Amino acid sequence: MAAVFYHNQEQKDAIDRSLARIASEIKAKIKTQVLPYSGFTRAEDYHQKYTLRQSQALMKEFQRMSPSSERFVDSTAAARINGYLAGHGGCERLKTEIDDLGCPLKGQRGF
């Protein structure tokens, strides 16, 4: 299920306009649900940064940098590296932002 959540009528109206425009462009019905925001529930720890968790070497470094599970889950660097490992972004782009992430990859092969 795909969904977009709104906090107020202004957001809902903007979402409705965007979905109508996209539906018109693609000439198809948009199935995304538009729902009022009612809170957020964080997924279980083992779901967080799943792809990154598959790399023992990187996880060892991230655990050294962020010893608590909460800090790891909230880490921007962990989120970005997880995305790269999942195939979102490329090596050249990663090289441009690696210094800003404070990431354990710096200094490893190719960086």
PDB file of N, CA and C in Angstrom:
ATOM      1  N   MET A   1       0.841  -1.179   0.000  1.00  0.00           N
ATOM      2  CA  MET A   1       0.000   0.000   0.000  1.00  0.00           C
ATOM      3  C   MET A   1       0.886   1.243   0.000  1.00  0.00           C
ATOM      4  N   ALA A   2       0.567   2.177  -0.841  1.00  0.00           N
ATOM      5  CA  ALA A   2       1.241   3.468  -0.849  1.00  0.00           C
ATOM      6  C   ALA A   2       0.308   4.480  -0.203  1.00  0.00           C
ATOM      7  N   ALA A   3       0.879   5.363   0.593  1.00  0.00           N
ATOM      8  CA  ALA A   3       0.058   6.372   1.267  1.00  0.00           C
ATOM      9  C   ALA A   3       0.844   7.661   1.426  1.00  0.00           C
ATOM     10  N   VAL A   4       0.112   8.757   1.443  1.00  0.00           N
ATOM     11  CA  VAL A   4       0.646  10.072   1.748  1.00  0.00           C
ATOM     12  C   VAL A   4      -0.160  10.585   2.922  1.00  0.00           C
ATOM     13  N   PHE A   5       0.527  11.093   3.931  1.00  0.00           N
ATOM     14  CA  PHE A   5      -0.147  11.563   5.145  1.00  0.00           C
ATOM     15  C   PHE A   5      -0.078  13.084   5.230  1.00  0.00           C
ATOM     16  N   TYR A   6      -1.153  13.681   5.659  1.00  0.00           N
ATOM     17  CA  TYR A   6      -1.214  15.136   5.782  1.00  0.00           C
ATOM     18  C   TYR A   6      -1.527  15.535   7.225  1.00  0.00           C
ATOM     19  N   HIS A   7      -1.078  16.747   7.568  1.00  0.00           N
ATOM     20  CA  HIS A   7      -1.298  17.290   8.910  1.00  0.00           C
ATOM     21  C   HIS A   7      -2.454  18.282   8.959  1.00  0.00           C
ATOM     22  N   ASN A   8      -2.771  18.887   7.820  1.00  0.00           N
ATOM     23  CA  ASN A   8      -3.822  19.900   7.818  1.00  0.00           C
ATOM     24  C   ASN A   8      -4.474  19.966   6.430  1.00  0.00           C
ATOM     25  N   GLN A   9      -5.515  20.740   6.330  1.00  0.00           N
ATOM     26  CA  GLN A   9      -6.282  20.821   5.074  1.00  0.00           C
ATOM     27  C   GLN A   9      -5.437  21.381   3.937  1.00  0.00           C
ATOM     28  N   GLU A  10      -4.568  22.319   4.236  1.00  0.00           N
ATOM     29  CA  GLU A  10      -3.708  22.898   3.196  1.00  0.00           C
ATOM     30  C   GLU A  10      -2.830  21.813   2.568  1.00  0.00           C
ATOM     31  N   GLN A  11      -2.253  20.955   3.392  1.00  0.00           N
ATOM     32  CA  GLN A  11      -1.440  19.858   2.870  1.00  0.00           C
ATOM     33  C   GLN A  11      -2.291  18.875   2.058  1.00  0.00           C
ATOM     34  N   LYS A  12      -3.469  18.556   2.566  1.00  0.00           N
ATOM     35  CA  LYS A  12      -4.353  17.629   1.860  1.00  0.00           C
ATOM     36  C   LYS A  12      -4.716  18.183   0.490  1.00  0.00           C
ATOM     37  N   ASP A  13      -5.040  19.461   0.435  1.00  0.00           N
ATOM     38  CA  ASP A  13      -5.389  20.081  -0.841  1.00  0.00           C
ATOM     39  C   ASP A  13      -4.213  20.026  -1.823  1.00  0.00           C
ATOM     40  N   ALA A  14      -3.014  20.293  -1.333  1.00  0.00           N
ATOM     41  CA  ALA A  14      -1.823  20.249  -2.187  1.00  0.00           C
ATOM     42  C   ALA A  14      -1.572  18.823  -2.693  1.00  0.00           C
ATOM     43  N   ILE A  15      -1.752  17.853  -1.839  1.00  0.00           N
ATOM     44  CA  ILE A  15      -1.588  16.447  -2.235  1.00  0.00           C
ATOM     45  C   ILE A  15      -2.611  16.082  -3.300  1.00  0.00           C
ATOM     46  N   ASP A  16      -3.866  16.448  -3.066  1.00  0.00           N
ATOM     47  CA  ASP A  16      -4.929  16.136  -4.022  1.00  0.00           C
ATOM     48  C   ASP A  16      -4.637  16.759  -5.389  1.00  0.00           C
ATOM     49  N   ARG A  17      -4.155  18.006  -5.392  1.00  0.00           N
ATOM     50  CA  ARG A  17      -3.824  18.671  -6.661  1.00  0.00           C
ATOM     51  C   ARG A  17      -2.679  17.944  -7.368  1.00  0.00           C
ATOM     52  N   SER A  18      -1.666  17.571  -6.613  1.00  0.00           N
ATOM     53  CA  SER A  18      -0.513  16.873  -7.201  1.00  0.00           C
ATOM     54  C   SER A  18      -0.914  15.524  -7.780  1.00  0.00           C
ATOM     55  N   LEU A  19      -1.705  14.777  -7.030  1.00  0.00           N
ATOM     56  CA  LEU A  19      -2.136  13.466  -7.519  1.00  0.00           C
ATOM     57  C   LEU A  19      -3.018  13.597  -8.755  1.00  0.00           C
ATOM     58  N   ALA A  20      -3.871  14.608  -8.784  1.00  0.00           N
ATOM     59  CA  ALA A  20      -4.724  14.829  -9.957  1.00  0.00           C
ATOM     60  C   ALA A  20      -3.871  15.180 -11.177  1.00  0.00           C
ATOM     61  N   ARG A  21      -2.863  16.015 -10.985  1.00  0.00           N
ATOM     62  CA  ARG A  21      -1.966  16.397 -12.088  1.00  0.00           C
ATOM     63  C   ARG A  21      -1.212  15.174 -12.612  1.00  0.00           C
ATOM     64  N   ILE A  22      -0.682  14.369 -11.710  1.00  0.00           N
ATOM     65  CA  ILE A  22       0.069  13.178 -12.118  1.00  0.00           C
ATOM     66  C   ILE A  22      -0.850  12.188 -12.835  1.00  0.00           C
ATOM     67  N   ALA A  23      -2.045  11.981 -12.300  1.00  0.00           N
ATOM     68  CA  ALA A  23      -3.000  11.065 -12.941  1.00  0.00           C
ATOM     69  C   ALA A  23      -3.320  11.528 -14.359  1.00  0.00           C
ATOM     70  N   SER A  24      -3.451  12.833 -14.531  1.00  0.00           N
ATOM     71  CA  SER A  24      -3.741  13.386 -15.849  1.00  0.00           C
ATOM     72  C   SER A  24      -2.563  13.162 -16.799  1.00  0.00           C
ATOM     73  N   GLU A  25      -1.360  13.347 -16.288  1.00  0.00           N
ATOM     74  CA  GLU A  25      -0.155  13.175 -17.120  1.00  0.00           C
ATOM     75  C   GLU A  25       0.034  11.730 -17.555  1.00  0.00           C
ATOM     76  N   ILE A  26      -0.210  10.802 -16.645  1.00  0.00           N
ATOM     77  CA  ILE A  26       0.033   9.390 -16.976  1.00  0.00           C
ATOM     78  C   ILE A  26      -1.224   8.694 -17.496  1.00  0.00           C
ATOM     79  N   LYS A  27      -2.340   9.419 -17.470  1.00  0.00           N
ATOM     80  CA  LYS A  27      -3.625   8.891 -17.945  1.00  0.00           C
ATOM     81  C   LYS A  27      -3.982   7.572 -17.263  1.00  0.00           C
ATOM     82  N   ALA A  28      -3.851   7.593 -15.935  1.00  0.00           N
ATOM     83  CA  ALA A  28      -4.170   6.410 -15.124  1.00  0.00           C
ATOM     84  C   ALA A  28      -4.593   6.870 -13.737  1.00  0.00           C
ATOM     85  N   LYS A  29      -5.341   6.008 -13.091  1.00  0.00           N
ATOM     86  CA  LYS A  29      -5.789   6.309 -11.735  1.00  0.00           C
ATOM     87  C   LYS A  29      -4.619   6.118 -10.761  1.00  0.00           C
ATOM     88  N   ILE A  30      -4.482   7.034  -9.834  1.00  0.00           N
ATOM     89  CA  ILE A  30      -3.456   6.932  -8.789  1.00  0.00           C
ATOM     90  C   ILE A  30      -4.078   6.172  -7.620  1.00  0.00           C
ATOM     91  N   LYS A  31      -3.416   5.124  -7.180  1.00  0.00           N
ATOM     92  CA  LYS A  31      -3.949   4.290  -6.104  1.00  0.00           C
ATOM     93  C   LYS A  31      -3.421   4.685  -4.723  1.00  0.00           C
ATOM     94  N   THR A  32      -2.548   5.657  -4.663  1.00  0.00           N
ATOM     95  CA  THR A  32      -1.996   6.111  -3.397  1.00  0.00           C
ATOM     96  C   THR A  32      -3.108   6.654  -2.511  1.00  0.00           C
ATOM     97  N   GLN A  33      -3.163   6.183  -1.283  1.00  0.00           N
ATOM     98  CA  GLN A  33      -4.158   6.674  -0.337  1.00  0.00           C
ATOM     99  C   GLN A  33      -3.689   7.986   0.286  1.00  0.00           C
ATOM    100  N   VAL A  34      -4.617   8.883   0.511  1.00  0.00           N
ATOM    101  CA  VAL A  34      -4.346  10.155   1.178  1.00  0.00           C
ATOM    102  C   VAL A  34      -5.027  10.082   2.536  1.00  0.00           C
ATOM    103  N   LEU A  35      -4.213  10.086   3.597  1.00  0.00           N
ATOM    104  CA  LEU A  35      -4.736   9.837   4.946  1.00  0.00           C
ATOM    105  C   LEU A  35      -4.260  10.888   5.935  1.00  0.00           C
ATOM    106  N   PRO A  36      -5.059  11.169   6.950  1.00  0.00           N
ATOM    107  CA  PRO A  36      -4.598  12.097   7.992  1.00  0.00           C
ATOM    108  C   PRO A  36      -3.488  11.446   8.818  1.00  0.00           C
ATOM    109  N   TYR A  37      -2.485  12.230   9.146  1.00  0.00           N
ATOM    110  CA  TYR A  37      -1.392  11.741   9.988  1.00  0.00           C
ATOM    111  C   TYR A  37      -1.932  11.470  11.385  1.00  0.00           C
ATOM    112  N   SER A  38      -1.594  10.298  11.917  1.00  0.00           N
ATOM    113  CA  SER A  38      -2.090   9.963  13.252  1.00  0.00           C
ATOM    114  C   SER A  38      -0.987   9.485  14.184  1.00  0.00           C
ATOM    115  N   GLY A  39       0.255   9.655  13.770  1.00  0.00           N
ATOM    116  CA  GLY A  39       1.377   9.244  14.611  1.00  0.00           C
ATOM    117  C   GLY A  39       2.332   8.369  13.831  1.00  0.00           C
ATOM    118  N   PHE A  40       3.460   8.101  14.433  1.00  0.00           N
ATOM    119  CA  PHE A  40       4.521   7.348  13.782  1.00  0.00           C
ATOM    120  C   PHE A  40       4.982   6.244  14.707  1.00  0.00           C
ATOM    121  N   THR A  41       5.145   5.061  14.171  1.00  0.00           N
ATOM    122  CA  THR A  41       5.673   3.940  14.941  1.00  0.00           C
ATOM    123  C   THR A  41       6.935   3.455  14.254  1.00  0.00           C
ATOM    124  N   ARG A  42       8.022   3.467  14.979  1.00  0.00           N
ATOM    125  CA  ARG A  42       9.301   3.025  14.437  1.00  0.00           C
ATOM    126  C   ARG A  42       9.286   1.504  14.284  1.00  0.00           C
ATOM    127  N   ALA A  43       9.838   1.023  13.182  1.00  0.00           N
ATOM    128  CA  ALA A  43       9.936  -0.423  12.960  1.00  0.00           C
ATOM    129  C   ALA A  43      10.916  -1.032  13.971  1.00  0.00           C
ATOM    130  N   GLU A  44      10.827  -2.339  14.119  1.00  0.00           N
ATOM    131  CA  GLU A  44      11.718  -3.051  15.026  1.00  0.00           C
ATOM    132  C   GLU A  44      13.168  -2.826  14.604  1.00  0.00           C
ATOM    133  N   ASP A  45      14.090  -2.910  15.581  1.00  0.00           N
ATOM    134  CA  ASP A  45      15.502  -2.644  15.311  1.00  0.00           C
ATOM    135  C   ASP A  45      16.046  -3.445  14.133  1.00  0.00           C
ATOM    136  N   TYR A  46      15.690  -4.712  14.036  1.00  0.00           N
ATOM    137  CA  TYR A  46      16.288  -5.544  12.988  1.00  0.00           C
ATOM    138  C   TYR A  46      15.855  -5.122  11.586  1.00  0.00           C
ATOM    139  N   HIS A  47      14.814  -4.303  11.471  1.00  0.00           N
ATOM    140  CA  HIS A  47      14.409  -3.777  10.170  1.00  0.00           C
ATOM    141  C   HIS A  47      15.173  -2.501   9.818  1.00  0.00           C
ATOM    142  N   GLN A  48      15.735  -1.847  10.795  1.00  0.00           N
ATOM    143  CA  GLN A  48      16.405  -0.566  10.584  1.00  0.00           C
ATOM    144  C   GLN A  48      17.745  -0.765   9.890  1.00  0.00           C
ATOM    145  N   LYS A  49      17.982  -0.012   8.828  1.00  0.00           N
ATOM    146  CA  LYS A  49      19.250  -0.065   8.090  1.00  0.00           C
ATOM    147  C   LYS A  49      19.585  -1.497   7.696  1.00  0.00           C
ATOM    148  N   TYR A  50      18.597  -2.210   7.167  1.00  0.00           N
ATOM    149  CA  TYR A  50      18.708  -3.644   6.907  1.00  0.00           C
ATOM    150  C   TYR A  50      19.907  -3.990   6.014  1.00  0.00           C
ATOM    151  N   THR A  51      20.065  -3.261   4.908  1.00  0.00           N
ATOM    152  CA  THR A  51      21.153  -3.594   3.989  1.00  0.00           C
ATOM    153  C   THR A  51      22.503  -3.354   4.637  1.00  0.00           C
ATOM    154  N   LEU A  52      22.630  -2.273   5.361  1.00  0.00           N
ATOM    155  CA  LEU A  52      23.878  -1.976   6.075  1.00  0.00           C
ATOM    156  C   LEU A  52      24.196  -3.062   7.092  1.00  0.00           C
ATOM    157  N   ARG A  53      23.198  -3.575   7.751  1.00  0.00           N
ATOM    158  CA  ARG A  53      23.412  -4.621   8.761  1.00  0.00           C
ATOM    159  C   ARG A  53      23.996  -5.907   8.167  1.00  0.00           C
ATOM    160  N   GLN A  54      23.919  -6.063   6.849  1.00  0.00           N
ATOM    161  CA  GLN A  54      24.471  -7.260   6.210  1.00  0.00           C
ATOM    162  C   GLN A  54      25.987  -7.195   6.074  1.00  0.00           C
ATOM    163  N   SER A  55      26.583  -6.033   6.279  1.00  0.00           N
ATOM    164  CA  SER A  55      28.035  -5.871   6.189  1.00  0.00           C
ATOM    165  C   SER A  55      28.634  -5.866   7.594  1.00  0.00           C
ATOM    166  N   GLN A  56      29.271  -6.949   7.965  1.00  0.00           N
ATOM    167  CA  GLN A  56      29.849  -7.054   9.316  1.00  0.00           C
ATOM    168  C   GLN A  56      30.923  -6.003   9.549  1.00  0.00           C
ATOM    169  N   ALA A  57      31.756  -5.762   8.557  1.00  0.00           N
ATOM    170  CA  ALA A  57      32.849  -4.794   8.731  1.00  0.00           C
ATOM    171  C   ALA A  57      32.295  -3.383   8.955  1.00  0.00           C
ATOM    172  N   LEU A  58      31.330  -2.985   8.132  1.00  0.00           N
ATOM    173  CA  LEU A  58      30.758  -1.647   8.306  1.00  0.00           C
ATOM    174  C   LEU A  58      29.986  -1.546   9.614  1.00  0.00           C
ATOM    175  N   MET A  59      29.252  -2.586   9.968  1.00  0.00           N
ATOM    176  CA  MET A  59      28.492  -2.554  11.223  1.00  0.00           C
ATOM    177  C   MET A  59      29.423  -2.413  12.423  1.00  0.00           C
ATOM    178  N   LYS A  60      30.563  -3.055  12.366  1.00  0.00           N
ATOM    179  CA  LYS A  60      31.532  -2.939  13.460  1.00  0.00           C
ATOM    180  C   LYS A  60      31.956  -1.476  13.627  1.00  0.00           C
ATOM    181  N   GLU A  61      32.207  -0.804  12.513  1.00  0.00           N
ATOM    182  CA  GLU A  61      32.592   0.604  12.564  1.00  0.00           C
ATOM    183  C   GLU A  61      31.435   1.490  13.034  1.00  0.00           C
ATOM    184  N   PHE A  62      30.242   1.241  12.534  1.00  0.00           N
ATOM    185  CA  PHE A  62      29.096   2.052  12.965  1.00  0.00           C
ATOM    186  C   PHE A  62      28.780   1.821  14.433  1.00  0.00           C
ATOM    187  N   GLN A  63      28.947   0.612  14.924  1.00  0.00           N
ATOM    188  CA  GLN A  63      28.714   0.349  16.348  1.00  0.00           C
ATOM    189  C   GLN A  63      29.755   1.056  17.200  1.00  0.00           C
ATOM    190  N   ARG A  64      30.960   1.175  16.677  1.00  0.00           N
ATOM    191  CA  ARG A  64      31.998   1.926  17.390  1.00  0.00           C
ATOM    192  C   ARG A  64      31.618   3.413  17.430  1.00  0.00           C
ATOM    193  N   MET A  65      31.108   3.926  16.322  1.00  0.00           N
ATOM    194  CA  MET A  65      30.735   5.344  16.234  1.00  0.00           C
ATOM    195  C   MET A  65      29.443   5.642  16.999  1.00  0.00           C
ATOM    196  N   SER A  66      28.501   4.725  16.962  1.00  0.00           N
ATOM    197  CA  SER A  66      27.181   4.925  17.575  1.00  0.00           C
ATOM    198  C   SER A  66      26.843   3.688  18.407  1.00  0.00           C
ATOM    199  N   PRO A  67      27.368   3.630  19.639  1.00  0.00           N
ATOM    200  CA  PRO A  67      27.202   2.416  20.435  1.00  0.00           C
ATOM    201  C   PRO A  67      25.754   2.062  20.786  1.00  0.00           C
ATOM    202  N   SER A  68      24.875   3.032  20.852  1.00  0.00           N
ATOM    203  CA  SER A  68      23.490   2.706  21.190  1.00  0.00           C
ATOM    204  C   SER A  68      22.696   2.442  19.909  1.00  0.00           C
ATOM    205  N   SER A  69      21.752   1.536  19.979  1.00  0.00           N
ATOM    206  CA  SER A  69      20.914   1.202  18.831  1.00  0.00           C
ATOM    207  C   SER A  69      20.149   2.434  18.347  1.00  0.00           C
ATOM    208  N   GLU A  70      19.669   3.246  19.278  1.00  0.00           N
ATOM    209  CA  GLU A  70      18.904   4.438  18.904  1.00  0.00           C
ATOM    210  C   GLU A  70      19.762   5.421  18.113  1.00  0.00           C
ATOM    211  N   ARG A  71      21.010   5.622  18.548  1.00  0.00           N
ATOM    212  CA  ARG A  71      21.905   6.537  17.816  1.00  0.00           C
ATOM    213  C   ARG A  71      22.202   5.999  16.424  1.00  0.00           C
ATOM    214  N   PHE A  72      22.375   4.685  16.314  1.00  0.00           N
ATOM    215  CA  PHE A  72      22.627   4.073  15.006  1.00  0.00           C
ATOM    216  C   PHE A  72      21.427   4.280  14.080  1.00  0.00           C
ATOM    217  N   VAL A  73      20.239   3.976  14.570  1.00  0.00           N
ATOM    218  CA  VAL A  73      19.025   4.106  13.760  1.00  0.00           C
ATOM    219  C   VAL A  73      18.815   5.551  13.329  1.00  0.00           C
ATOM    220  N   ASP A  74      19.137   6.509  14.186  1.00  0.00           N
ATOM    221  CA  ASP A  74      18.941   7.922  13.876  1.00  0.00           C
ATOM    222  C   ASP A  74      20.101   8.546  13.101  1.00  0.00           C
ATOM    223  N   SER A  75      21.151   7.786  12.853  1.00  0.00           N
ATOM    224  CA  SER A  75      22.347   8.300  12.194  1.00  0.00           C
ATOM    225  C   SER A  75      22.099   8.607  10.716  1.00  0.00           C
ATOM    226  N   THR A  76      22.380   9.841  10.339  1.00  0.00           N
ATOM    227  CA  THR A  76      22.276  10.225   8.936  1.00  0.00           C
ATOM    228  C   THR A  76      23.286   9.450   8.107  1.00  0.00           C
ATOM    229  N   ALA A  77      24.498   9.298   8.621  1.00  0.00           N
ATOM    230  CA  ALA A  77      25.529   8.555   7.892  1.00  0.00           C
ATOM    231  C   ALA A  77      25.073   7.116   7.648  1.00  0.00           C
ATOM    232  N   ALA A  78      24.522   6.472   8.656  1.00  0.00           N
ATOM    233  CA  ALA A  78      24.054   5.088   8.495  1.00  0.00           C
ATOM    234  C   ALA A  78      22.930   5.024   7.459  1.00  0.00           C
ATOM    235  N   ALA A  79      22.027   5.991   7.485  1.00  0.00           N
ATOM    236  CA  ALA A  79      20.924   6.005   6.522  1.00  0.00           C
ATOM    237  C   ALA A  79      21.449   6.178   5.099  1.00  0.00           C
ATOM    238  N   ARG A  80      22.380   7.096   4.908  1.00  0.00           N
ATOM    239  CA  ARG A  80      22.925   7.344   3.579  1.00  0.00           C
ATOM    240  C   ARG A  80      23.692   6.128   3.059  1.00  0.00           C
ATOM    241  N   ILE A  81      24.543   5.536   3.907  1.00  0.00           N
ATOM    242  CA  ILE A  81      25.322   4.375   3.480  1.00  0.00           C
ATOM    243  C   ILE A  81      24.393   3.199   3.201  1.00  0.00           C
ATOM    244  N   ASN A  82      23.370   3.020   4.015  1.00  0.00           N
ATOM    245  CA  ASN A  82      22.387   1.968   3.767  1.00  0.00           C
ATOM    246  C   ASN A  82      21.767   2.149   2.376  1.00  0.00           C
ATOM    247  N   GLY A  83      21.439   3.374   2.026  1.00  0.00           N
ATOM    248  CA  GLY A  83      20.877   3.650   0.707  1.00  0.00           C
ATOM    249  C   GLY A  83      21.845   3.336  -0.415  1.00  0.00           C
ATOM    250  N   TYR A  84      23.090   3.752  -0.257  1.00  0.00           N
ATOM    251  CA  TYR A  84      24.091   3.445  -1.275  1.00  0.00           C
ATOM    252  C   TYR A  84      24.258   1.941  -1.437  1.00  0.00           C
ATOM    253  N   LEU A  85      24.336   1.218  -0.316  1.00  0.00           N
ATOM    254  CA  LEU A  85      24.495  -0.235  -0.379  1.00  0.00           C
ATOM    255  C   LEU A  85      23.298  -0.898  -1.063  1.00  0.00           C
ATOM    256  N   ALA A  86      22.134  -0.282  -0.943  1.00  0.00           N
ATOM    257  CA  ALA A  86      20.923  -0.821  -1.568  1.00  0.00           C
ATOM    258  C   ALA A  86      20.813  -0.430  -3.043  1.00  0.00           C
ATOM    259  N   GLY A  87      21.813   0.313  -3.541  1.00  0.00           N
ATOM    260  CA  GLY A  87      21.838   0.652  -4.961  1.00  0.00           C
ATOM    261  C   GLY A  87      21.297   2.020  -5.308  1.00  0.00           C
ATOM    262  N   HIS A  88      21.094   2.869  -4.313  1.00  0.00           N
ATOM    263  CA  HIS A  88      20.571   4.210  -4.560  1.00  0.00           C
ATOM    264  C   HIS A  88      21.719   5.205  -4.479  1.00  0.00           C
ATOM    265  N   GLY A  89      22.164   5.684  -5.617  1.00  0.00           N
ATOM    266  CA  GLY A  89      23.325   6.570  -5.665  1.00  0.00           C
ATOM    267  C   GLY A  89      24.504   5.794  -6.221  1.00  0.00           C
ATOM    268  N   GLY A  90      25.552   6.492  -6.532  1.00  0.00           N
ATOM    269  CA  GLY A  90      26.724   5.833  -7.097  1.00  0.00           C
ATOM    270  C   GLY A  90      27.987   6.210  -6.366  1.00  0.00           C
ATOM    271  N   CYS A  91      29.057   5.569  -6.758  1.00  0.00           N
ATOM    272  CA  CYS A  91      30.347   5.776  -6.106  1.00  0.00           C
ATOM    273  C   CYS A  91      30.801   7.229  -6.192  1.00  0.00           C
ATOM    274  N   GLU A  92      30.633   7.849  -7.346  1.00  0.00           N
ATOM    275  CA  GLU A  92      31.075   9.241  -7.495  1.00  0.00           C
ATOM    276  C   GLU A  92      30.298  10.171  -6.569  1.00  0.00           C
ATOM    277  N   ARG A  93      29.006   9.954  -6.472  1.00  0.00           N
ATOM    278  CA  ARG A  93      28.193  10.794  -5.585  1.00  0.00           C
ATOM    279  C   ARG A  93      28.591  10.571  -4.126  1.00  0.00           C
ATOM    280  N   LEU A  94      28.800   9.316  -3.759  1.00  0.00           N
ATOM    281  CA  LEU A  94      29.228   9.002  -2.394  1.00  0.00           C
ATOM    282  C   LEU A  94      30.536   9.710  -2.068  1.00  0.00           C
ATOM    283  N   LYS A  95      31.471   9.721  -3.005  1.00  0.00           N
ATOM    284  CA  LYS A  95      32.761  10.382  -2.770  1.00  0.00           C
ATOM    285  C   LYS A  95      32.579  11.867  -2.489  1.00  0.00           C
ATOM    286  N   THR A  96      31.557  12.491  -3.076  1.00  0.00           N
ATOM    287  CA  THR A  96      31.346  13.925  -2.859  1.00  0.00           C
ATOM    288  C   THR A  96      30.786  14.233  -1.479  1.00  0.00           C
ATOM    289  N   GLU A  97      30.147  13.262  -0.837  1.00  0.00           N
ATOM    290  CA  GLU A  97      29.538  13.551   0.461  1.00  0.00           C
ATOM    291  C   GLU A  97      30.153  12.786   1.632  1.00  0.00           C
ATOM    292  N   ILE A  98      31.112  11.928   1.367  1.00  0.00           N
ATOM    293  CA  ILE A  98      31.651  11.060   2.413  1.00  0.00           C
ATOM    294  C   ILE A  98      32.244  11.858   3.579  1.00  0.00           C
ATOM    295  N   ASP A  99      32.939  12.959   3.282  1.00  0.00           N
ATOM    296  CA  ASP A  99      33.540  13.757   4.359  1.00  0.00           C
ATOM    297  C   ASP A  99      32.477  14.349   5.275  1.00  0.00           C
ATOM    298  N   ASP A 100      31.368  14.783   4.706  1.00  0.00           N
ATOM    299  CA  ASP A 100      30.305  15.395   5.503  1.00  0.00           C
ATOM    300  C   ASP A 100      29.561  14.383   6.374  1.00  0.00           C
ATOM    301  N   LEU A 101      29.628  13.108   6.019  1.00  0.00           N
ATOM    302  CA  LEU A 101      28.909  12.081   6.770  1.00  0.00           C
ATOM    303  C   LEU A 101      29.658  11.628   8.026  1.00  0.00           C
ATOM    304  N   GLY A 102      30.966  11.886   8.095  1.00  0.00           N
ATOM    305  CA  GLY A 102      31.729  11.366   9.227  1.00  0.00           C
ATOM    306  C   GLY A 102      31.696   9.846   9.216  1.00  0.00           C
ATOM    307  N   CYS A 103      31.828   9.295   8.039  1.00  0.00           N
ATOM    308  CA  CYS A 103      31.579   7.876   7.804  1.00  0.00           C
ATOM    309  C   CYS A 103      32.838   7.026   7.953  1.00  0.00           C
ATOM    310  N   PRO A 104      32.664   5.787   8.424  1.00  0.00           N
ATOM    311  CA  PRO A 104      33.810   4.902   8.578  1.00  0.00           C
ATOM    312  C   PRO A 104      34.408   4.416   7.264  1.00  0.00           C
ATOM    313  N   LEU A 105      33.781   4.710   6.133  1.00  0.00           N
ATOM    314  CA  LEU A 105      34.348   4.291   4.851  1.00  0.00           C
ATOM    315  C   LEU A 105      35.572   5.117   4.474  1.00  0.00           C
ATOM    316  N   LYS A 106      35.668   6.335   4.987  1.00  0.00           N
ATOM    317  CA  LYS A 106      36.762   7.215   4.639  1.00  0.00           C
ATOM    318  C   LYS A 106      38.083   6.526   4.955  1.00  0.00           C
ATOM    319  N   GLY A 107      38.970   6.504   3.983  1.00  0.00           N
ATOM    320  CA  GLY A 107      40.269   5.884   4.193  1.00  0.00           C
ATOM    321  C   GLY A 107      40.312   4.435   3.760  1.00  0.00           C
ATOM    322  N   GLN A 108      39.157   3.841   3.461  1.00  0.00           N
ATOM    323  CA  GLN A 108      39.144   2.464   2.983  1.00  0.00           C
ATOM    324  C   GLN A 108      39.347   2.455   1.466  1.00  0.00           C
ATOM    325  N   ARG A 109      39.483   1.305   0.909  1.00  0.00           N
ATOM    326  CA  ARG A 109      39.765   1.113  -0.501  1.00  0.00           C
ATOM    327  C   ARG A 109      38.880   2.014  -1.374  1.00  0.00           C
ATOM    328  N   GLY A 110      39.518   2.851  -2.202  1.00  0.00           N
ATOM    329  CA  GLY A 110      38.799   3.687  -3.144  1.00  0.00           C
ATOM    330  C   GLY A 110      38.382   5.052  -2.609  1.00  0.00           C
ATOM    331  N   PHE A 111      38.596   5.311  -1.334  1.00  0.00           N
ATOM    332  CA  PHE A 111      38.180   6.610  -0.771  1.00  0.00           C
ATOM    333  C   PHE A 111      39.349   7.371  -0.243  1.00  0.00           C
TER     334      PHE A 111
END
